[in-house]
Protein backbone atom coordinates (compact mmCIF):
# COMPACT_ATOMS: atom_id res chain seq x y z
CA MET A 1 0.00 0.00 0.00
CA ILE A 2 2.75 2.45 0.95
CA LYS A 3 4.64 1.51 -2.23
CA LEU A 4 1.58 2.46 -4.28
CA LEU A 5 1.27 5.78 -2.47
CA ALA A 6 4.97 6.43 -3.09
CA GLU A 7 4.51 5.80 -6.81
CA LEU A 8 1.56 8.18 -6.94
CA SER A 9 3.36 10.87 -4.99
CA VAL A 10 4.69 13.95 -6.79
CA PHE A 11 7.69 13.94 -4.41
CA GLU A 12 9.47 11.13 -6.27
CA GLY A 13 12.89 11.56 -4.66
CA LEU A 14 11.54 11.75 -1.12
CA PHE A 15 9.58 8.48 -1.33
CA ASN A 16 11.92 6.57 -3.64
CA ILE A 17 13.17 4.43 -0.75
CA PHE A 18 9.72 2.81 -0.45
CA ARG A 19 10.19 1.22 -3.87
CA TYR A 20 13.03 -0.99 -2.64
CA ILE A 21 12.11 -4.51 -1.56
CA THR A 22 14.87 -4.64 1.06
CA PHE A 23 13.65 -1.50 2.83
CA ARG A 24 10.01 -2.60 2.75
CA ALA A 25 10.96 -6.06 4.02
CA ILE A 26 12.72 -4.58 7.05
CA ALA A 27 9.80 -2.21 7.63
CA ALA A 28 7.34 -5.10 7.35
CA LEU A 29 9.24 -7.11 9.95
CA MET A 30 9.35 -4.24 12.41
CA THR A 31 5.68 -3.39 11.83
CA SER A 32 4.37 -6.92 12.40
CA LEU A 33 6.64 -7.33 15.43
CA ALA A 34 5.32 -4.09 16.95
CA ILE A 35 1.70 -5.08 16.30
CA ALA A 36 2.17 -8.48 17.97
CA LEU A 37 3.94 -7.01 20.99
CA ILE A 38 1.39 -4.22 21.47
CA LEU A 39 -1.71 -6.35 21.00
CA GLY A 40 -0.32 -9.44 22.74
CA PRO A 41 -1.18 -8.84 26.42
CA ARG A 42 -4.79 -7.77 25.86
CA PHE A 43 -5.29 -10.39 23.17
CA ILE A 44 -4.10 -13.17 25.48
CA ASP A 45 -6.33 -11.89 28.30
CA MET A 46 -9.27 -11.96 25.89
CA LEU A 47 -8.51 -15.55 24.86
CA ARG A 48 -8.16 -16.61 28.48
CA SER A 49 -11.50 -15.06 29.45
CA LYS A 50 -13.29 -16.61 26.46
CA GLN A 51 -11.76 -20.11 26.66
CA GLY A 52 -11.81 -20.76 30.39
CA LYS A 53 -10.01 -24.13 30.60
CA GLY A 54 -7.83 -23.35 27.58
CA GLN A 55 -6.48 -25.93 25.17
CA PRO A 56 -7.22 -29.58 26.00
CA ILE A 57 -4.02 -31.52 26.72
CA ARG A 58 -3.53 -35.09 25.48
CA GLU A 59 -3.96 -37.56 28.33
CA ASP A 60 -1.38 -39.92 26.79
CA GLY A 61 1.29 -37.21 26.64
CA PRO A 62 4.08 -36.58 29.14
CA GLU A 63 2.62 -36.29 32.64
CA TRP A 64 4.15 -32.90 33.34
CA HIS A 65 2.27 -31.47 30.34
CA LEU A 66 -0.99 -32.07 32.18
CA LEU A 67 0.34 -30.19 35.18
CA THR A 68 2.09 -27.22 33.55
CA LYS A 69 0.23 -26.61 30.29
CA ARG A 70 -3.38 -27.17 31.29
CA GLY A 71 -5.39 -23.94 31.23
CA THR A 72 -3.13 -22.17 28.74
CA PRO A 73 -5.25 -20.44 26.08
CA THR A 74 -4.91 -21.47 22.45
CA MET A 75 -5.67 -19.79 19.07
CA GLY A 76 -2.67 -17.50 19.57
CA GLY A 77 -2.06 -17.98 15.88
CA LEU A 78 -4.66 -15.26 15.36
CA LEU A 79 -2.15 -12.80 16.82
CA ILE A 80 0.42 -13.92 14.23
CA LEU A 81 -2.11 -13.64 11.40
CA ILE A 82 -3.24 -10.17 12.46
CA GLY A 83 0.30 -8.83 12.67
CA MET A 84 1.47 -10.52 9.47
CA THR A 85 -1.58 -9.60 7.38
CA THR A 86 -1.67 -5.96 8.47
CA SER A 87 2.04 -5.50 7.87
CA THR A 88 1.98 -7.31 4.52
CA LEU A 89 -0.91 -5.21 3.22
CA LEU A 90 0.85 -2.07 4.39
CA TRP A 91 4.24 -2.74 2.78
CA MET A 92 3.57 -5.07 -0.17
CA ASP A 93 3.21 -4.19 -3.83
CA VAL A 94 -0.58 -4.50 -4.02
CA GLY A 95 -0.34 -5.41 -7.69
CA ASN A 96 1.75 -8.52 -7.03
CA GLY A 97 -0.36 -11.65 -7.41
CA PHE A 98 2.21 -13.94 -5.81
CA VAL A 99 1.99 -12.15 -2.47
CA TRP A 100 -1.81 -12.21 -2.63
CA SER A 101 -1.79 -15.97 -3.30
CA ALA A 102 0.59 -16.63 -0.38
CA LEU A 103 -1.47 -14.42 1.90
CA LEU A 104 -4.78 -16.03 0.93
CA VAL A 105 -3.46 -19.58 1.38
CA THR A 106 -2.09 -18.60 4.79
CA LEU A 107 -5.40 -17.10 5.88
CA GLY A 108 -7.32 -20.03 4.40
CA PHE A 109 -5.25 -22.58 6.30
CA GLY A 110 -5.56 -20.39 9.38
CA ALA A 111 -9.35 -20.49 9.02
CA VAL A 112 -9.30 -24.30 8.84
CA GLY A 113 -7.09 -24.38 11.93
CA PHE A 114 -9.42 -21.96 13.72
CA MET A 115 -12.34 -24.31 13.07
CA ASP A 116 -10.34 -27.14 14.59
CA ASP A 117 -9.23 -25.12 17.62
CA PHE A 118 -12.75 -23.81 18.22
CA ASP A 119 -14.12 -27.34 18.13
CA LYS A 120 -11.48 -28.53 20.60
CA VAL A 121 -12.08 -25.69 23.03
CA THR A 122 -15.89 -25.84 22.95
CA LYS A 123 -16.00 -29.63 23.32
CA GLN A 124 -12.91 -29.78 25.58
CA SER A 125 -11.48 -32.58 23.45
CA HIS A 126 -8.12 -32.80 21.66
CA LYS A 127 -9.74 -34.50 18.63
CA GLY A 128 -11.22 -31.44 16.91
CA VAL A 129 -12.60 -31.44 13.36
CA SER A 130 -12.47 -34.70 11.40
CA GLY A 131 -9.07 -35.23 9.80
CA LYS A 132 -10.64 -36.01 6.42
CA VAL A 133 -12.66 -32.79 6.44
CA ARG A 134 -9.67 -30.72 7.45
CA LEU A 135 -7.36 -32.26 4.85
CA GLY A 136 -10.04 -31.90 2.18
CA LEU A 137 -10.43 -28.19 2.85
CA GLU A 138 -6.67 -27.65 2.95
CA PHE A 139 -6.14 -29.51 -0.32
CA LEU A 140 -8.94 -27.52 -1.98
CA ILE A 141 -7.40 -24.20 -0.90
CA ALA A 142 -3.90 -25.31 -1.94
CA GLY A 143 -5.15 -26.73 -5.24
CA LEU A 144 -6.90 -23.52 -6.26
CA ALA A 145 -3.83 -21.46 -5.38
CA CYS A 146 -1.46 -23.84 -7.19
CA SER A 147 -3.61 -23.73 -10.33
CA TRP A 148 -3.17 -19.97 -10.47
CA ILE A 149 0.51 -20.06 -9.51
CA ALA A 150 1.39 -22.76 -12.08
CA SER A 151 -0.29 -20.75 -14.82
CA ARG A 152 2.37 -18.07 -14.13
CA THR A 153 5.43 -20.11 -13.15
CA GLY A 154 4.97 -23.24 -15.26
CA PHE A 155 4.43 -26.94 -14.60
CA THR A 156 8.05 -27.98 -14.08
CA LEU A 157 9.55 -29.38 -10.88
CA TYR A 158 13.09 -27.99 -10.68
CA LEU A 159 15.79 -30.17 -9.15
CA PRO A 160 18.31 -28.90 -6.59
CA PHE A 161 22.06 -29.23 -7.21
CA LEU A 162 21.51 -29.16 -11.00
CA LYS A 163 21.56 -25.99 -13.10
CA ASP A 164 18.13 -25.32 -14.64
CA ALA A 165 17.29 -29.04 -14.57
CA GLY A 166 13.68 -30.00 -14.05
CA LEU A 167 10.92 -32.50 -14.67
CA TYR A 168 7.91 -31.34 -16.65
CA LEU A 169 4.90 -32.76 -14.80
CA GLY A 170 2.07 -31.15 -16.73
CA LEU A 171 -1.18 -30.82 -14.81
CA PHE A 172 0.07 -33.35 -12.25
CA TYR A 173 2.34 -30.56 -11.01
CA ILE A 174 -0.73 -28.85 -9.51
CA VAL A 175 -1.54 -31.98 -7.50
CA PHE A 176 2.10 -32.32 -6.41
CA ALA A 177 2.36 -28.66 -5.39
CA ALA A 178 -0.94 -28.81 -3.49
CA PHE A 179 0.35 -31.89 -1.68
CA ILE A 180 3.53 -30.01 -0.69
CA ILE A 181 1.54 -27.10 0.74
CA THR A 182 -0.97 -29.30 2.55
CA GLY A 183 1.72 -31.66 3.80
CA PHE A 184 3.86 -28.87 5.13
CA GLY A 185 0.94 -27.22 6.87
CA ASN A 186 0.36 -30.43 8.80
CA ALA A 187 4.09 -31.00 9.36
CA VAL A 188 4.37 -27.70 11.23
CA ASN A 189 1.19 -28.63 13.09
CA LEU A 190 2.77 -31.90 14.30
CA THR A 191 5.90 -30.04 15.43
CA ASP A 192 3.93 -27.57 17.54
CA GLY A 193 4.01 -29.54 20.79
CA LEU A 194 6.43 -27.65 23.03
CA ASP A 195 6.75 -23.99 23.96
CA GLY A 196 8.56 -22.21 21.13
CA LEU A 197 9.46 -25.44 19.32
CA ALA A 198 7.63 -24.72 16.05
CA THR A 199 7.86 -20.92 16.08
CA MET A 200 11.63 -20.51 15.81
CA PRO A 201 12.14 -23.12 13.03
CA VAL A 202 9.37 -21.34 11.08
CA ILE A 203 11.24 -18.06 11.56
CA ILE A 204 14.47 -19.70 10.37
CA ALA A 205 12.81 -21.27 7.33
CA ALA A 206 11.01 -18.01 6.46
CA ALA A 207 14.31 -16.11 6.65
CA ALA A 208 15.92 -18.64 4.29
CA PHE A 209 13.04 -18.32 1.84
CA ALA A 210 13.12 -14.53 2.05
CA VAL A 211 16.66 -14.80 0.66
CA ILE A 212 15.59 -17.36 -1.97
CA ALA A 213 12.59 -15.29 -3.07
CA TYR A 214 14.74 -12.18 -3.44
CA LEU A 215 17.35 -14.04 -5.49
CA VAL A 216 14.83 -15.89 -7.66
CA GLY A 217 13.00 -12.64 -8.36
CA ASN A 218 16.19 -10.84 -9.44
CA ILE A 219 17.24 -11.86 -12.95
CA ARG A 220 20.92 -11.02 -12.36
CA PHE A 221 21.22 -13.08 -9.19
CA SER A 222 19.19 -15.99 -10.55
CA ASP A 223 21.30 -16.07 -13.72
CA TYR A 224 24.54 -15.99 -11.69
CA LEU A 225 23.37 -18.80 -9.40
CA GLY A 226 21.88 -20.83 -12.25
CA ILE A 227 18.40 -20.99 -10.71
CA HIS A 228 15.06 -20.55 -12.43
CA HIS A 229 14.00 -16.91 -12.57
CA VAL A 230 10.43 -16.11 -11.49
CA PRO A 231 9.62 -12.46 -12.25
CA GLY A 232 7.81 -10.78 -9.36
CA SER A 233 8.66 -13.43 -6.77
CA GLY A 234 11.13 -11.11 -5.04
CA GLU A 235 8.18 -9.32 -3.48
CA LEU A 236 7.65 -12.43 -1.32
CA ALA A 237 10.62 -11.25 0.75
CA VAL A 238 8.26 -8.61 2.19
CA PHE A 239 5.71 -11.30 3.02
CA CYS A 240 8.39 -13.49 4.64
CA ALA A 241 9.65 -10.57 6.69
CA ALA A 242 6.14 -9.75 7.92
CA LEU A 243 5.73 -13.40 8.89
CA ILE A 244 9.05 -13.39 10.76
CA GLY A 245 8.17 -10.24 12.71
CA ALA A 246 4.76 -11.59 13.72
CA CYS A 247 6.32 -14.89 14.83
CA LEU A 248 8.97 -13.07 16.87
CA GLY A 249 6.25 -11.08 18.60
CA PHE A 250 4.30 -14.26 19.29
CA LEU A 251 7.45 -16.01 20.57
CA TRP A 252 7.76 -13.26 23.19
CA PHE A 253 4.60 -14.65 24.78
CA ASN A 254 5.13 -18.30 23.78
CA ALA A 255 8.58 -18.61 25.36
CA PRO A 256 8.63 -21.11 28.26
CA PRO A 257 6.45 -21.06 30.23
CA ALA A 258 4.04 -20.19 27.44
CA MET A 259 1.31 -17.64 28.10
CA VAL A 260 -0.49 -18.76 24.92
CA PHE A 261 -0.34 -21.52 22.30
CA MET A 262 -0.60 -20.80 18.58
CA GLY A 263 -2.91 -23.80 18.09
CA ASP A 264 -3.82 -25.20 14.71
CA THR A 265 -4.81 -21.67 13.74
CA GLY A 266 -1.17 -20.69 13.69
CA SER A 267 0.65 -23.92 12.84
CA LEU A 268 -1.45 -24.80 9.78
CA ALA A 269 -1.26 -21.22 8.52
CA LEU A 270 2.52 -20.97 8.94
CA GLY A 271 3.17 -24.33 7.31
CA GLY A 272 0.86 -23.42 4.44
CA ALA A 273 2.70 -20.12 4.01
CA LEU A 274 6.10 -21.82 3.75
CA GLY A 275 4.76 -24.39 1.31
CA THR A 276 3.23 -21.71 -0.91
CA ILE A 277 6.44 -19.67 -1.00
CA ALA A 278 8.38 -22.79 -1.98
CA VAL A 279 5.93 -23.50 -4.82
CA ILE A 280 6.03 -19.93 -6.15
CA THR A 281 9.84 -19.83 -6.15
CA ASN A 282 10.07 -23.35 -7.68
CA HIS A 283 12.02 -24.57 -4.64
CA GLU A 284 9.65 -27.28 -3.47
CA LEU A 285 12.39 -29.88 -2.98
CA VAL A 286 14.69 -27.39 -1.24
CA LEU A 287 11.86 -26.82 1.24
CA LEU A 288 12.27 -30.43 2.35
CA VAL A 289 15.85 -29.56 3.34
CA ILE A 290 15.27 -26.11 4.84
CA GLY A 291 12.21 -27.37 6.67
CA GLY A 292 13.83 -30.72 7.38
CA LEU A 293 12.98 -30.57 11.08
CA PHE A 294 9.27 -30.58 10.23
CA VAL A 295 9.87 -33.47 7.82
CA LEU A 296 11.61 -35.49 10.55
CA GLU A 297 8.76 -34.88 12.97
CA THR A 298 6.24 -36.03 10.38
CA LEU A 299 8.25 -39.11 9.44
CA SER A 300 8.45 -40.10 13.11
CA VAL A 301 4.64 -40.18 13.26
CA ILE A 302 4.33 -42.13 10.00
CA ILE A 303 6.95 -44.67 11.11
CA GLN A 304 5.37 -45.04 14.54
CA VAL A 305 1.88 -45.65 13.15
CA ALA A 306 3.09 -48.03 10.41
CA SER A 307 5.22 -50.03 12.84
CA PHE A 308 2.48 -50.35 15.44
CA LYS A 309 -0.15 -51.41 12.89
CA THR A 310 2.09 -54.00 11.21
CA THR A 311 4.10 -55.40 14.14
CA GLY A 312 2.34 -54.13 17.26
CA LYS A 313 5.62 -52.50 18.36
CA ARG A 314 6.61 -48.85 18.68
CA VAL A 315 9.84 -47.51 17.21
CA PHE A 316 9.75 -44.37 19.37
CA ARG A 317 8.74 -44.02 22.99
CA MET A 318 6.19 -41.48 21.77
CA ALA A 319 5.59 -39.62 18.53
CA PRO A 320 6.13 -36.97 17.26
CA LEU A 321 9.89 -37.04 17.71
CA HIS A 322 10.13 -34.28 20.33
CA HIS A 323 7.96 -36.32 22.72
CA HIS A 324 10.30 -39.31 22.25
CA TYR A 325 13.17 -37.31 23.70
CA GLU A 326 10.99 -35.98 26.49
CA LYS A 327 10.17 -39.57 27.42
CA LYS A 328 13.92 -40.27 27.45
CA GLY A 329 14.32 -37.65 30.15
CA TRP A 330 15.32 -34.54 28.21
CA LYS A 331 13.95 -31.30 29.64
CA GLU A 332 11.62 -29.26 27.44
CA SER A 333 14.16 -26.46 27.06
CA THR A 334 16.83 -28.97 26.04
CA VAL A 335 14.63 -30.47 23.32
CA VAL A 336 13.58 -27.05 22.03
CA ILE A 337 17.07 -25.54 21.83
CA ARG A 338 18.63 -28.63 20.25
CA PHE A 339 15.84 -28.79 17.67
CA TRP A 340 16.40 -25.09 16.94
CA ILE A 341 20.06 -25.84 16.25
CA ILE A 342 19.04 -28.62 13.86
CA ALA A 343 16.67 -26.20 12.10
CA ILE A 344 19.48 -23.65 11.63
CA LEU A 345 21.86 -26.25 10.19
CA LEU A 346 19.21 -27.56 7.79
CA ALA A 347 18.35 -24.04 6.62
CA LEU A 348 22.03 -23.37 5.89
CA ALA A 349 22.23 -26.67 4.02
CA GLY A 350 19.23 -25.65 1.94
CA LEU A 351 20.73 -22.28 1.10
CA ALA A 352 23.99 -23.99 0.14
CA THR A 353 22.18 -25.74 -2.72
CA LEU A 354 21.81 -22.37 -4.47
CA LYS A 355 25.50 -22.21 -5.34
CA LEU A 356 26.05 -25.94 -5.68
CA ARG A 357 24.01 -26.03 -8.86
């Protein structure tokens, strides 16, 4: 919005700085951070007064969860969405369709998560909305977005480590891309089980993709690195920065001991956002590296379920993976910080693929 006003202004030199993506990205981060920090205390008080008992805690989880986390309000993801959306609309190029698609998928996934959280809170059950219904809605939202995105970016899956190498998938690419977005939304959701555990890896992944989006959107940088150029995708750096700022503000209140949980409202939205950015920039496979922590958490659940159904035995003491280490005796803070370190290393590994091509 501010970029549009700058372009319409007669004082071209004075407002020229607002045309730069880097400046607007920094401004978007600071704006969303400020919004989250300012609204946070009253917003959390409102959630606490409305929800009463807060988020239901799994009875089969670690015992100390029942003692320390019971009564904590959920749906804190709304705070992230408010800060991110307001900041993005303020600093984005309103004519950029890629940012609109990422924003709408994020809000759509957030709405699905809100339905699930609302059902859990009102019924005081951790089950929520039917998994089939939730996945169906997510896949529909992702599919519609991917249809539009693919019509602009093409139907080719580009391979990391290889210069401009890709597989043309035709219309199947839309299904694949929608699966990536939906899968990643749920991967972040599975990771959100400890205070701050999902938030910081999302911040790290978003920072990595802010760099990727900027490079992919710049024809000189993309040509130098040998990566597919997507005109207009650089504007996603502003969206990523707004997301980072909102998550940092939320983390202020989610740091142990958490005053609020993001719930499915936040985790599904954030995962959907990362997946959409990866699809737009044609870095779907790199997302599996940068967001490798979320992939590991998801695989631990798949392996656990498959093993128990086929052999009656469990591979992990409890899934997802972070609960396995809690059961082994690791403190929550130990699990969280070590998983953050893993997320940083994986993000660096993903960025390294840009120059290895």
